[in-house]
N, C-alpha and C. Protein backbone atom coordinates (compact mmCIF):
# COMPACT_ATOMS: atom_id res chain seq x y z
N MET A 1 51.10 55.84 135.98
CA MET A 1 51.71 54.55 136.17
C MET A 1 53.06 54.77 136.86
N LEU A 2 53.33 53.91 137.81
CA LEU A 2 54.58 53.95 138.56
C LEU A 2 55.30 52.63 138.33
N ASN A 3 56.56 52.69 137.94
CA ASN A 3 57.35 51.50 137.62
C ASN A 3 58.52 51.43 138.60
N VAL A 4 58.61 50.33 139.36
CA VAL A 4 59.67 50.16 140.36
C VAL A 4 60.47 48.91 140.02
N THR A 5 61.78 49.05 140.01
CA THR A 5 62.68 47.91 139.81
C THR A 5 63.62 47.84 141.00
N VAL A 6 63.84 46.63 141.51
CA VAL A 6 64.74 46.43 142.65
C VAL A 6 65.94 45.64 142.14
N LEU A 7 67.13 46.21 142.34
CA LEU A 7 68.36 45.59 141.87
C LEU A 7 69.28 45.30 143.03
N ARG A 8 69.92 44.14 143.00
CA ARG A 8 70.94 43.79 143.99
C ARG A 8 72.30 44.10 143.38
N LYS A 9 73.11 44.87 144.14
CA LYS A 9 74.45 45.20 143.67
C LYS A 9 75.32 43.96 143.65
N GLN A 10 76.07 43.81 142.60
CA GLN A 10 77.01 42.71 142.45
C GLN A 10 78.41 43.30 142.35
N ALA A 11 79.33 42.80 143.13
CA ALA A 11 80.69 43.35 143.14
C ALA A 11 81.42 43.14 141.83
N ASP A 12 81.17 42.01 141.17
CA ASP A 12 81.95 41.69 139.98
C ASP A 12 81.14 41.66 138.69
N ALA A 13 79.88 42.09 138.72
CA ALA A 13 79.06 42.01 137.52
C ALA A 13 77.99 43.11 137.55
N ALA A 14 77.15 43.06 136.54
CA ALA A 14 76.04 44.01 136.49
C ALA A 14 75.05 43.71 137.61
N ASN A 15 74.31 44.71 138.02
CA ASN A 15 73.31 44.52 139.06
C ASN A 15 72.25 43.52 138.61
N THR A 16 71.70 42.77 139.57
CA THR A 16 70.75 41.70 139.26
C THR A 16 69.37 42.06 139.78
N PRO A 17 68.32 41.91 138.95
CA PRO A 17 66.97 42.16 139.45
C PRO A 17 66.56 41.10 140.46
N VAL A 18 65.82 41.52 141.50
CA VAL A 18 65.36 40.59 142.53
C VAL A 18 63.88 40.83 142.82
N HIS A 19 63.24 39.78 143.33
CA HIS A 19 61.85 39.90 143.78
C HIS A 19 61.83 40.73 145.06
N ALA A 20 60.72 41.41 145.29
CA ALA A 20 60.60 42.26 146.49
C ALA A 20 59.14 42.43 146.85
N ALA A 21 58.91 42.84 148.08
CA ALA A 21 57.58 43.28 148.50
C ALA A 21 57.58 44.80 148.34
N VAL A 22 56.63 45.30 147.56
CA VAL A 22 56.55 46.73 147.27
C VAL A 22 55.17 47.24 147.66
N ALA A 23 55.13 48.27 148.49
CA ALA A 23 53.87 48.90 148.89
C ALA A 23 54.07 50.41 148.81
N GLY A 24 52.99 51.14 148.58
CA GLY A 24 53.16 52.57 148.47
C GLY A 24 51.88 53.36 148.66
N THR A 25 52.09 54.64 148.95
CA THR A 25 50.99 55.59 149.05
C THR A 25 51.35 56.85 148.29
N ALA A 26 50.31 57.56 147.87
CA ALA A 26 50.48 58.86 147.23
C ALA A 26 49.57 59.84 147.95
N LYS A 27 50.14 60.98 148.35
CA LYS A 27 49.35 62.00 149.06
C LYS A 27 49.38 63.28 148.24
N ASN A 28 48.17 63.81 147.92
CA ASN A 28 48.15 65.07 147.17
C ASN A 28 48.33 66.24 148.13
N LEU A 29 48.39 67.45 147.59
CA LEU A 29 48.70 68.61 148.41
C LEU A 29 47.57 69.01 149.35
N THR A 30 46.36 68.44 149.17
CA THR A 30 45.27 68.70 150.11
C THR A 30 45.23 67.65 151.22
N GLY A 31 46.16 66.69 151.18
CA GLY A 31 46.27 65.70 152.24
C GLY A 31 45.53 64.40 151.99
N GLN A 32 44.89 64.26 150.82
CA GLN A 32 44.21 63.00 150.51
C GLN A 32 45.24 61.94 150.18
N ILE A 33 45.08 60.77 150.83
CA ILE A 33 46.05 59.68 150.66
C ILE A 33 45.41 58.55 149.86
N ARG A 34 46.17 58.04 148.89
CA ARG A 34 45.72 56.91 148.08
C ARG A 34 46.74 55.78 148.20
N GLU A 35 46.22 54.59 148.45
CA GLU A 35 47.07 53.41 148.47
C GLU A 35 47.37 53.01 147.02
N ILE A 36 48.58 52.57 146.77
CA ILE A 36 48.95 52.11 145.43
C ILE A 36 49.22 50.62 145.51
N GLU A 37 48.50 49.85 144.72
CA GLU A 37 48.73 48.41 144.64
C GLU A 37 49.68 48.14 143.47
N PHE A 38 50.69 47.34 143.76
CA PHE A 38 51.68 47.01 142.74
C PHE A 38 51.50 45.57 142.29
N ARG A 39 51.68 45.34 141.00
CA ARG A 39 51.67 43.97 140.48
C ARG A 39 53.06 43.68 139.91
N GLU A 40 53.50 42.45 140.13
CA GLU A 40 54.84 42.06 139.70
C GLU A 40 54.81 41.60 138.25
N ILE A 41 55.79 42.06 137.50
CA ILE A 41 56.03 41.60 136.13
C ILE A 41 57.39 40.92 136.16
N ASP A 42 57.40 39.62 135.87
CA ASP A 42 58.64 38.82 135.93
C ASP A 42 58.98 38.34 134.53
N GLU A 43 60.05 38.87 133.98
CA GLU A 43 60.53 38.46 132.66
C GLU A 43 61.78 37.60 132.83
N SER A 44 61.65 36.52 133.58
CA SER A 44 62.73 35.59 133.95
C SER A 44 63.88 36.34 134.60
N SER A 45 65.09 35.99 134.31
CA SER A 45 66.23 36.62 134.98
C SER A 45 66.61 37.95 134.34
N ASP A 46 65.95 38.29 133.24
CA ASP A 46 66.29 39.54 132.55
C ASP A 46 65.74 40.78 133.26
N ALA A 47 64.51 40.67 133.78
CA ALA A 47 63.89 41.83 134.40
C ALA A 47 62.76 41.41 135.33
N ILE A 48 62.70 42.08 136.46
CA ILE A 48 61.59 41.96 137.40
C ILE A 48 61.23 43.38 137.77
N TYR A 49 59.98 43.73 137.60
CA TYR A 49 59.57 45.08 137.99
C TYR A 49 58.15 45.07 138.51
N TYR A 50 57.77 46.18 139.13
CA TYR A 50 56.49 46.31 139.80
C TYR A 50 55.77 47.53 139.27
N ILE A 51 54.52 47.34 138.84
CA ILE A 51 53.73 48.40 138.24
C ILE A 51 52.58 48.77 139.17
N GLY A 52 52.43 50.05 139.46
CA GLY A 52 51.30 50.57 140.22
C GLY A 52 50.62 51.66 139.42
N GLU A 53 49.29 51.76 139.54
CA GLU A 53 48.55 52.75 138.77
C GLU A 53 47.87 53.75 139.69
N LEU A 54 47.80 54.99 139.21
CA LEU A 54 47.21 56.08 139.97
C LEU A 54 46.62 57.07 138.98
N SER A 55 45.35 57.41 139.12
CA SER A 55 44.77 58.41 138.23
C SER A 55 45.15 59.80 138.75
N VAL A 56 45.44 60.71 137.80
CA VAL A 56 45.88 62.06 138.15
C VAL A 56 45.16 63.08 137.28
N ARG A 57 45.16 64.31 137.75
CA ARG A 57 44.62 65.44 137.00
C ARG A 57 45.77 66.34 136.56
N ASN A 58 45.50 67.17 135.57
CA ASN A 58 46.52 68.08 135.08
C ASN A 58 47.03 68.98 136.21
N MET A 59 48.34 69.07 136.33
CA MET A 59 49.07 69.89 137.30
C MET A 59 48.88 69.43 138.75
N GLU A 60 48.41 68.20 138.95
CA GLU A 60 48.28 67.66 140.31
C GLU A 60 49.64 67.18 140.80
N THR A 61 49.92 67.43 142.08
CA THR A 61 51.19 67.05 142.68
C THR A 61 50.95 66.01 143.76
N PHE A 62 51.80 64.98 143.78
CA PHE A 62 51.70 63.93 144.78
C PHE A 62 53.05 63.74 145.47
N ASP A 63 52.98 63.47 146.77
CA ASP A 63 54.14 63.01 147.53
C ASP A 63 54.02 61.50 147.65
N PHE A 64 54.98 60.78 147.12
CA PHE A 64 54.96 59.32 147.13
C PHE A 64 55.84 58.80 148.26
N THR A 65 55.37 57.75 148.91
CA THR A 65 56.16 57.02 149.89
C THR A 65 56.07 55.54 149.55
N LEU A 66 57.21 54.94 149.26
CA LEU A 66 57.27 53.52 148.92
C LEU A 66 58.04 52.77 149.99
N GLU A 67 57.57 51.59 150.33
CA GLU A 67 58.28 50.68 151.23
C GLU A 67 58.67 49.46 150.40
N VAL A 68 59.96 49.19 150.32
CA VAL A 68 60.47 48.11 149.48
C VAL A 68 61.31 47.18 150.33
N THR A 69 60.94 45.90 150.32
CA THR A 69 61.71 44.88 151.04
C THR A 69 62.17 43.84 150.03
N PRO A 70 63.45 43.84 149.69
CA PRO A 70 63.96 42.84 148.75
C PRO A 70 63.84 41.43 149.32
N GLU A 71 63.65 40.48 148.43
CA GLU A 71 63.59 39.06 148.82
C GLU A 71 64.87 38.68 149.56
N ALA A 72 64.72 37.86 150.58
CA ALA A 72 65.84 37.38 151.40
C ALA A 72 66.54 38.51 152.15
N SER A 73 65.78 39.56 152.47
CA SER A 73 66.33 40.66 153.25
C SER A 73 65.40 40.97 154.40
N ASP A 74 65.98 41.29 155.53
CA ASP A 74 65.19 41.69 156.70
C ASP A 74 64.99 43.20 156.73
N GLU A 75 65.68 43.90 155.86
CA GLU A 75 65.65 45.35 155.87
C GLU A 75 64.68 45.89 154.82
N ALA A 76 63.80 46.80 155.24
CA ALA A 76 62.90 47.50 154.33
C ALA A 76 63.50 48.87 154.02
N TYR A 77 63.35 49.29 152.79
CA TYR A 77 63.85 50.59 152.36
C TYR A 77 62.67 51.51 152.08
N THR A 78 62.78 52.74 152.54
CA THR A 78 61.74 53.73 152.29
C THR A 78 62.25 54.69 151.22
N VAL A 79 61.43 54.91 150.21
CA VAL A 79 61.75 55.84 149.13
C VAL A 79 60.66 56.90 149.11
N LYS A 80 61.05 58.17 149.15
CA LYS A 80 60.08 59.27 149.11
C LYS A 80 60.46 60.22 147.98
N PHE A 81 59.43 60.68 147.27
CA PHE A 81 59.66 61.68 146.23
C PHE A 81 58.36 62.41 145.92
N ARG A 82 58.50 63.56 145.30
CA ARG A 82 57.35 64.38 144.90
C ARG A 82 57.35 64.49 143.38
N GLN A 83 56.14 64.42 142.80
CA GLN A 83 56.01 64.52 141.34
C GLN A 83 54.76 65.32 140.98
N GLN A 84 54.94 66.28 140.07
CA GLN A 84 53.78 67.00 139.53
C GLN A 84 53.51 66.43 138.14
N PHE A 85 52.22 66.26 137.82
CA PHE A 85 51.81 65.62 136.57
C PHE A 85 51.18 66.63 135.62
N TYR A 86 51.44 66.46 134.34
CA TYR A 86 50.87 67.30 133.29
C TYR A 86 50.15 66.36 132.32
N THR A 87 48.84 66.54 132.16
CA THR A 87 48.07 65.65 131.31
C THR A 87 47.55 66.31 130.04
N GLU A 88 47.71 67.60 129.95
CA GLU A 88 47.19 68.32 128.77
C GLU A 88 48.31 68.88 127.94
């Protein structure tokens, strides 16, 4: 499970959660690519987050690429990271 939260920086207060378009892929070390579909969870103004699911095997490593476009923004942000999973 992948959990993504998008926050808007506020100069005078705590960061505020915002709606966003979130898309992503996961590529394993053999080059197989899987699309990740995200669903939005909106808990009013307290929290907005996006959940994506991906099945993994023990010691499998994925390179993730996420494209995030916050609501009311023309700019998309790319987030990349690698994660190895342990299931046993």
